[in-house]
C-alpha atoms as a PDB file:
ATOM      1  CA  UNK A   1      43.297-106.369  12.175  1.00  0.00           C
ATOM      2  CA  UNK A   2      39.714-106.225  13.450  1.00  0.00           C
ATOM      3  CA  UNK A   3      37.252-104.285  11.317  1.00  0.00           C
ATOM      4  CA  UNK A   4      36.412-102.107  14.329  1.00  0.00           C
ATOM      5  CA  UNK A   5      39.797-100.355  14.254  1.00  0.00           C
ATOM      6  CA  UNK A   6      38.285 -97.920  11.756  1.00  0.00           C
ATOM      7  CA  UNK A   7      34.735 -97.549  13.100  1.00  0.00           C
ATOM      8  CA  UNK A   8      33.295 -94.193  14.123  1.00  0.00           C
ATOM      9  CA  UNK A   9      32.040 -93.758  17.724  1.00  0.00           C
ATOM     10  CA  UNK A  10      28.382 -94.431  16.863  1.00  0.00           C
ATOM     11  CA  UNK A  11      29.201 -97.726  15.171  1.00  0.00           C
ATOM     12  CA  UNK A  12      31.368 -98.762  18.124  1.00  0.00           C
ATOM     13  CA  UNK A  13      28.466 -98.036  20.483  1.00  0.00           C
ATOM     14  CA  UNK A  14      26.147-100.200  18.380  1.00  0.00           C
ATOM     15  CA  UNK A  15      28.692-103.029  18.410  1.00  0.00           C
ATOM     16  CA  UNK A  16      29.159-102.768  22.172  1.00  0.00           C
ATOM     17  CA  UNK A  17      25.394-102.836  22.693  1.00  0.00           C
ATOM     18  CA  UNK A  18      25.080-105.945  20.537  1.00  0.00           C
ATOM     19  CA  UNK A  19      27.902-107.627  22.458  1.00  0.00           C
ATOM     20  CA  UNK A  20      26.242-106.762  25.785  1.00  0.00           C
ATOM     21  CA  UNK A  21      22.995-108.270  24.509  1.00  0.00           C
ATOM     22  CA  UNK A  22      24.902-111.403  23.517  1.00  0.00           C
ATOM     23  CA  UNK A  23      26.517-111.547  26.969  1.00  0.00           C
ATOM     24  CA  UNK A  24      23.123-111.289  28.690  1.00  0.00           C
ATOM     25  CA  UNK A  25      20.980-113.463  26.427  1.00  0.00           C
ATOM     26  CA  UNK A  26      23.432-115.739  24.649  1.00  0.00           C
ATOM     27  CA  UNK A  27      23.548-116.750  20.980  1.00  0.00           C
ATOM     28  CA  UNK A  28      19.803-117.242  20.728  1.00  0.00           C
ATOM     29  CA  UNK A  29      19.351-113.475  21.224  1.00  0.00           C
ATOM     30  CA  UNK A  30      20.436-112.937  17.645  1.00  0.00           C
ATOM     31  CA  UNK A  31      18.398-115.535  15.826  1.00  0.00           C
ATOM     32  CA  UNK A  32      15.568-113.337  14.564  1.00  0.00           C
ATOM     33  CA  UNK A  33      16.691-109.974  15.947  1.00  0.00           C
ATOM     34  CA  UNK A  34      20.022-109.996  14.140  1.00  0.00           C
ATOM     35  CA  UNK A  35      18.361-110.852  10.855  1.00  0.00           C
ATOM     36  CA  UNK A  36      15.987-107.896  11.210  1.00  0.00           C
ATOM     37  CA  UNK A  37      18.854-105.545  12.083  1.00  0.00           C
ATOM     38  CA  UNK A  38      20.901-106.832   9.138  1.00  0.00           C
ATOM     39  CA  UNK A  39      18.022-106.241   6.707  1.00  0.00           C
ATOM     40  CA  UNK A  40      17.255-102.808   8.166  1.00  0.00           C
ATOM     41  CA  UNK A  41      20.856-101.629   7.898  1.00  0.00           C
ATOM     42  CA  UNK A  42      21.197-103.112   4.409  1.00  0.00           C
ATOM     43  CA  UNK A  43      18.025-101.321   3.322  1.00  0.00           C
ATOM     44  CA  UNK A  44      19.305 -98.020   4.711  1.00  0.00           C
ATOM     45  CA  UNK A  45      22.653 -98.412   2.946  1.00  0.00           C
ATOM     46  CA  UNK A  46      20.920 -99.301  -0.326  1.00  0.00           C
ATOM     47  CA  UNK A  47      18.497 -96.358  -0.032  1.00  0.00           C
ATOM     48  CA  UNK A  48      21.111 -93.772   0.919  1.00  0.00           C
ATOM     49  CA  UNK A  49      24.240 -94.999  -0.853  1.00  0.00           C
ATOM     50  CA  UNK A  50      22.882 -97.211  -3.611  1.00  0.00           C
ATOM     51  CA  UNK A  51      22.824-100.931  -4.198  1.00  0.00           C
ATOM     52  CA  UNK A  52      26.418-101.098  -5.394  1.00  0.00           C
ATOM     53  CA  UNK A  53      27.607 -99.753  -2.033  1.00  0.00           C
ATOM     54  CA  UNK A  54      25.384-102.266  -0.237  1.00  0.00           C
ATOM     55  CA  UNK A  55      26.951-105.103  -2.242  1.00  0.00           C
ATOM     56  CA  UNK A  56      30.420-103.756  -1.441  1.00  0.00           C
ATOM     57  CA  UNK A  57      29.560-103.723   2.263  1.00  0.00           C
ATOM     58  CA  UNK A  58      28.165-107.268   2.116  1.00  0.00           C
ATOM     59  CA  UNK A  59      31.345-108.499   0.410  1.00  0.00           C
ATOM     60  CA  UNK A  60      33.522-106.704   2.967  1.00  0.00           C
ATOM     61  CA  UNK A  61      31.510-108.261   5.803  1.00  0.00           C
ATOM     62  CA  UNK A  62      31.872-111.719   4.284  1.00  0.00           C
ATOM     63  CA  UNK A  63      35.639-111.308   3.865  1.00  0.00           C
ATOM     64  CA  UNK A  64      36.034-109.956   7.401  1.00  0.00           C
ATOM     65  CA  UNK A  65      34.129-112.802   8.994  1.00  0.00           C
ATOM     66  CA  UNK A  66      36.024-115.341   6.884  1.00  0.00           C
ATOM     67  CA  UNK A  67      39.442-113.960   7.805  1.00  0.00           C
ATOM     68  CA  UNK A  68      39.814-111.621  10.781  1.00  0.00           C
ATOM     69  CA  UNK A  69      36.548-111.847  12.647  1.00  0.00           C
ATOM     70  CA  UNK A  70      34.956-108.797  14.187  1.00  0.00           C
ATOM     71  CA  UNK A  71      36.507-107.636  17.437  1.00  0.00           C
ATOM     72  CA  UNK A  72      36.920-104.499  19.486  1.00  0.00           C
ATOM     73  CA  UNK A  73      39.828-102.133  18.849  1.00  0.00           C
ATOM     74  CA  UNK A  74      42.882-102.344  21.069  1.00  0.00           C
ATOM     75  CA  UNK A  75      42.415-101.144  24.621  1.00  0.00           C
ATOM     76  CA  UNK A  76      38.960-102.688  24.926  1.00  0.00           C
ATOM     77  CA  UNK A  77      37.781-106.174  25.701  1.00  0.00           C
ATOM     78  CA  UNK A  78      39.364-108.406  23.099  1.00  0.00           C
ATOM     79  CA  UNK A  79      36.723-110.840  21.932  1.00  0.00           C
ATOM     80  CA  UNK A  80      36.115-111.894  18.385  1.00  0.00           C
ATOM     81  CA  UNK A  81      32.697-112.579  16.917  1.00  0.00           C
ATOM     82  CA  UNK A  82      32.878-115.103  14.095  1.00  0.00           C
END
């Protein structure tokens, strides 16, 4: 089951925007930009929810990418990002 089956609307919009960027600019679009976004979101999670929550999220992300990939929920374009 893709991780996005349980995402709120805002998170789905962010994911769709990232996928559209990938479609337009290709994999190189995420070299530096994705790293900055990852650090920014991780910093926000750590600041708001604490470091333990950030570590939990990082572990969940690692497990998701290793197993299911990250795709859109049913009814949308079915592409997996691994």
